[in-house]
Amino acid sequence: MTETSEITLSVPTPAGDQLRAFIERIERLEEEKKTIVEEIKDVYGEAKGNGFDPKILRKVISLRKKQPHERQEEEAILDLYMTALGG
């Protein structure tokens, strides 16, 4: 069997139609995801061009996704580890 980018689904049943619909939706969403990833990359590039550090921006975004208690717990563990390492 050779590898192709598109596989034809020819299952002439309601289940086959439903399967085809799911696959086509997933493929469409994957394409949208690629576009969004490219746009995010462009925004990081723009921010970098304006003097912001993309690595720090990613960290800020990561922290903002977390609940305050989750951040505090991580910071406490990080402090504990750094102390254990003498830093």
N, C-alpha and C. Protein backbone atom coordinates (compact mmCIF):
# COMPACT_ATOMS: atom_id res chain seq x y z
N MET A 1 0.84 -1.17 0.00
CA MET A 1 0.00 0.00 0.00
C MET A 1 0.89 1.24 0.00
N THR A 2 0.64 2.16 -0.89
CA THR A 2 1.45 3.36 -0.97
C THR A 2 0.83 4.46 -0.12
N GLU A 3 1.69 5.34 0.35
CA GLU A 3 1.23 6.44 1.20
C GLU A 3 0.75 7.58 0.32
N THR A 4 -0.45 8.08 0.60
CA THR A 4 -0.98 9.24 -0.12
C THR A 4 -1.50 10.25 0.87
N SER A 5 -1.64 11.49 0.42
CA SER A 5 -2.12 12.53 1.32
C SER A 5 -3.63 12.49 1.46
N GLU A 6 -4.31 11.82 0.55
CA GLU A 6 -5.76 11.75 0.63
C GLU A 6 -6.20 10.32 0.38
N ILE A 7 -7.02 9.80 1.25
CA ILE A 7 -7.53 8.45 1.12
C ILE A 7 -9.02 8.57 0.82
N THR A 8 -9.47 7.90 -0.20
CA THR A 8 -10.87 7.96 -0.56
C THR A 8 -11.64 6.98 0.30
N LEU A 9 -12.67 7.47 0.96
CA LEU A 9 -13.52 6.60 1.77
C LEU A 9 -14.75 6.25 0.95
N SER A 10 -14.92 5.00 0.65
CA SER A 10 -16.07 4.60 -0.16
C SER A 10 -16.90 3.57 0.57
N VAL A 11 -17.37 3.93 1.74
CA VAL A 11 -18.22 3.05 2.52
C VAL A 11 -19.65 3.57 2.35
N PRO A 12 -20.46 2.93 1.51
CA PRO A 12 -21.79 3.45 1.19
C PRO A 12 -22.84 3.12 2.26
N THR A 13 -22.59 3.60 3.46
CA THR A 13 -23.53 3.35 4.55
C THR A 13 -23.69 4.64 5.35
N PRO A 14 -24.72 4.73 6.16
CA PRO A 14 -24.83 5.91 7.02
C PRO A 14 -23.60 6.08 7.92
N ALA A 15 -23.06 4.98 8.39
CA ALA A 15 -21.86 5.05 9.23
C ALA A 15 -20.69 5.57 8.41
N GLY A 16 -20.61 5.18 7.15
CA GLY A 16 -19.55 5.67 6.28
C GLY A 16 -19.68 7.15 6.01
N ASP A 17 -20.91 7.61 5.81
CA ASP A 17 -21.14 9.04 5.60
C ASP A 17 -20.78 9.83 6.85
N GLN A 18 -21.14 9.29 8.00
CA GLN A 18 -20.82 9.96 9.26
C GLN A 18 -19.31 10.00 9.48
N LEU A 19 -18.65 8.89 9.18
CA LEU A 19 -17.20 8.82 9.30
C LEU A 19 -16.54 9.84 8.38
N ARG A 20 -17.00 9.92 7.13
CA ARG A 20 -16.46 10.88 6.18
C ARG A 20 -16.64 12.31 6.70
N ALA A 21 -17.81 12.60 7.26
CA ALA A 21 -18.09 13.94 7.79
C ALA A 21 -17.14 14.28 8.94
N PHE A 22 -16.91 13.31 9.84
CA PHE A 22 -15.97 13.54 10.95
C PHE A 22 -14.57 13.82 10.43
N ILE A 23 -14.13 13.01 9.50
CA ILE A 23 -12.77 13.17 8.97
C ILE A 23 -12.63 14.50 8.26
N GLU A 24 -13.62 14.89 7.47
CA GLU A 24 -13.55 16.17 6.77
C GLU A 24 -13.55 17.34 7.75
N ARG A 25 -14.33 17.24 8.82
CA ARG A 25 -14.33 18.30 9.85
C ARG A 25 -12.96 18.40 10.51
N ILE A 26 -12.39 17.25 10.85
CA ILE A 26 -11.07 17.24 11.49
C ILE A 26 -10.02 17.84 10.55
N GLU A 27 -10.07 17.46 9.28
CA GLU A 27 -9.11 18.00 8.31
C GLU A 27 -9.25 19.52 8.19
N ARG A 28 -10.49 20.00 8.16
CA ARG A 28 -10.72 21.44 8.06
C ARG A 28 -10.19 22.16 9.30
N LEU A 29 -10.44 21.59 10.48
CA LEU A 29 -9.94 22.18 11.72
C LEU A 29 -8.42 22.16 11.79
N GLU A 30 -7.80 21.10 11.28
CA GLU A 30 -6.34 21.03 11.26
C GLU A 30 -5.77 22.16 10.40
N GLU A 31 -6.42 22.45 9.27
CA GLU A 31 -5.98 23.54 8.41
C GLU A 31 -6.13 24.88 9.13
N GLU A 32 -7.25 25.06 9.82
CA GLU A 32 -7.46 26.29 10.59
C GLU A 32 -6.41 26.43 11.69
N LYS A 33 -6.08 25.30 12.31
CA LYS A 33 -5.07 25.30 13.37
C LYS A 33 -3.72 25.75 12.83
N LYS A 34 -3.36 25.27 11.64
CA LYS A 34 -2.09 25.68 11.03
C LYS A 34 -2.06 27.19 10.83
N THR A 35 -3.16 27.73 10.35
CA THR A 35 -3.24 29.17 10.11
C THR A 35 -3.09 29.94 11.42
N ILE A 36 -3.75 29.48 12.46
CA ILE A 36 -3.67 30.15 13.76
C ILE A 36 -2.26 30.07 14.32
N VAL A 37 -1.61 28.92 14.20
CA VAL A 37 -0.23 28.76 14.68
C VAL A 37 0.69 29.74 13.96
N GLU A 38 0.50 29.89 12.65
CA GLU A 38 1.31 30.83 11.89
C GLU A 38 1.07 32.27 12.35
N GLU A 39 -0.20 32.60 12.63
CA GLU A 39 -0.53 33.95 13.09
C GLU A 39 0.10 34.23 14.46
N ILE A 40 0.07 33.24 15.34
CA ILE A 40 0.68 33.41 16.66
C ILE A 40 2.18 33.62 16.51
N LYS A 41 2.81 32.85 15.64
CA LYS A 41 4.24 33.01 15.38
C LYS A 41 4.54 34.42 14.89
N ASP A 42 3.69 34.94 14.01
CA ASP A 42 3.86 36.30 13.51
C ASP A 42 3.75 37.33 14.63
N VAL A 43 2.82 37.13 15.55
CA VAL A 43 2.65 38.07 16.67
C VAL A 43 3.88 38.05 17.56
N TYR A 44 4.42 36.86 17.84
CA TYR A 44 5.66 36.78 18.63
C TYR A 44 6.80 37.51 17.91
N GLY A 45 6.88 37.35 16.59
CA GLY A 45 7.91 38.04 15.82
C GLY A 45 7.73 39.55 15.89
N GLU A 46 6.50 39.99 15.81
CA GLU A 46 6.21 41.42 15.90
C GLU A 46 6.59 41.96 17.29
N ALA A 47 6.24 41.20 18.32
CA ALA A 47 6.58 41.62 19.69
C ALA A 47 8.10 41.69 19.85
N LYS A 48 8.80 40.70 19.30
CA LYS A 48 10.26 40.69 19.39
C LYS A 48 10.84 41.92 18.67
N GLY A 49 10.26 42.25 17.54
CA GLY A 49 10.70 43.43 16.80
C GLY A 49 10.48 44.73 17.56
N ASN A 50 9.58 44.70 18.53
CA ASN A 50 9.30 45.87 19.37
C ASN A 50 10.02 45.79 20.71
N GLY A 51 10.98 44.87 20.83
CA GLY A 51 11.81 44.81 22.01
C GLY A 51 11.37 43.86 23.12
N PHE A 52 10.32 43.09 22.88
CA PHE A 52 9.86 42.14 23.90
C PHE A 52 10.50 40.78 23.66
N ASP A 53 10.74 40.06 24.75
CA ASP A 53 11.38 38.74 24.68
C ASP A 53 10.28 37.68 24.52
N PRO A 54 10.24 37.00 23.37
CA PRO A 54 9.20 35.99 23.14
C PRO A 54 9.18 34.88 24.18
N LYS A 55 10.35 34.50 24.67
CA LYS A 55 10.43 33.44 25.68
C LYS A 55 9.69 33.87 26.95
N ILE A 56 9.87 35.13 27.34
CA ILE A 56 9.20 35.64 28.53
C ILE A 56 7.71 35.81 28.26
N LEU A 57 7.35 36.24 27.06
CA LEU A 57 5.93 36.35 26.71
C LEU A 57 5.24 35.00 26.83
N ARG A 58 5.90 33.94 26.36
CA ARG A 58 5.32 32.59 26.47
C ARG A 58 5.14 32.20 27.93
N LYS A 59 6.12 32.57 28.76
CA LYS A 59 6.04 32.26 30.18
C LYS A 59 4.87 33.01 30.83
N VAL A 60 4.71 34.29 30.49
CA VAL A 60 3.62 35.08 31.03
C VAL A 60 2.27 34.47 30.63
N ILE A 61 2.15 34.09 29.37
CA ILE A 61 0.91 33.48 28.89
C ILE A 61 0.64 32.18 29.63
N SER A 62 1.68 31.39 29.83
CA SER A 62 1.54 30.13 30.56
C SER A 62 1.07 30.38 32.00
N LEU A 63 1.66 31.38 32.64
CA LEU A 63 1.28 31.69 34.02
C LEU A 63 -0.15 32.21 34.11
N ARG A 64 -0.57 33.01 33.14
CA ARG A 64 -1.92 33.57 33.16
C ARG A 64 -2.99 32.50 32.99
N LYS A 65 -2.63 31.37 32.40
CA LYS A 65 -3.58 30.27 32.22
C LYS A 65 -3.85 29.53 33.52
N LYS A 66 -2.96 29.69 34.48
CA LYS A 66 -3.05 28.94 35.73
C LYS A 66 -3.80 29.72 36.80
N GLN A 67 -4.38 28.98 37.70
CA GLN A 67 -5.04 29.57 38.86
C GLN A 67 -3.96 30.09 39.81
N PRO A 68 -4.28 31.14 40.59
CA PRO A 68 -3.27 31.68 41.53
C PRO A 68 -2.67 30.62 42.45
N HIS A 69 -3.49 29.71 42.96
CA HIS A 69 -2.94 28.69 43.87
C HIS A 69 -1.99 27.74 43.15
N GLU A 70 -2.23 27.48 41.86
CA GLU A 70 -1.33 26.63 41.09
C GLU A 70 0.02 27.32 40.90
N ARG A 71 -0.01 28.61 40.62
CA ARG A 71 1.24 29.37 40.45
C ARG A 71 2.02 29.39 41.75
N GLN A 72 1.32 29.63 42.87
CA GLN A 72 1.99 29.70 44.17
C GLN A 72 2.63 28.35 44.51
N GLU A 73 1.92 27.28 44.23
CA GLU A 73 2.46 25.94 44.50
C GLU A 73 3.71 25.69 43.67
N GLU A 74 3.68 26.04 42.39
CA GLU A 74 4.85 25.86 41.53
C GLU A 74 6.02 26.71 42.01
N GLU A 75 5.74 27.95 42.39
CA GLU A 75 6.81 28.82 42.88
C GLU A 75 7.42 28.27 44.16
N ALA A 76 6.59 27.72 45.04
CA ALA A 76 7.09 27.15 46.29
C ALA A 76 7.99 25.95 46.01
N ILE A 77 7.56 25.10 45.09
CA ILE A 77 8.37 23.92 44.74
C ILE A 77 9.67 24.35 44.07
N LEU A 78 9.59 25.35 43.18
CA LEU A 78 10.79 25.86 42.52
C LEU A 78 11.77 26.41 43.55
N ASP A 79 11.26 27.20 44.52
CA ASP A 79 12.12 27.73 45.59
C ASP A 79 12.76 26.60 46.38
N LEU A 80 11.97 25.57 46.69
CA LEU A 80 12.49 24.43 47.43
C LEU A 80 13.62 23.76 46.66
N TYR A 81 13.42 23.52 45.38
CA TYR A 81 14.44 22.88 44.55
C TYR A 81 15.69 23.74 44.45
N MET A 82 15.52 25.05 44.26
CA MET A 82 16.67 25.94 44.16
C MET A 82 17.44 25.97 45.47
N THR A 83 16.74 25.98 46.58
CA THR A 83 17.38 25.96 47.88
C THR A 83 18.17 24.66 48.07
N ALA A 84 17.58 23.56 47.66
CA ALA A 84 18.23 22.26 47.77
C ALA A 84 19.52 22.22 46.93
N LEU A 85 19.51 22.98 45.83
CA LEU A 85 20.70 23.02 44.96
C LEU A 85 21.69 24.09 45.38
N GLY A 86 21.35 24.81 46.43
CA GLY A 86 22.26 25.84 46.92
C GLY A 86 22.14 27.15 46.17
N GLY A 87 21.04 27.36 45.49
CA GLY A 87 20.89 28.60 44.71
C GLY A 87 19.76 29.34 45.15
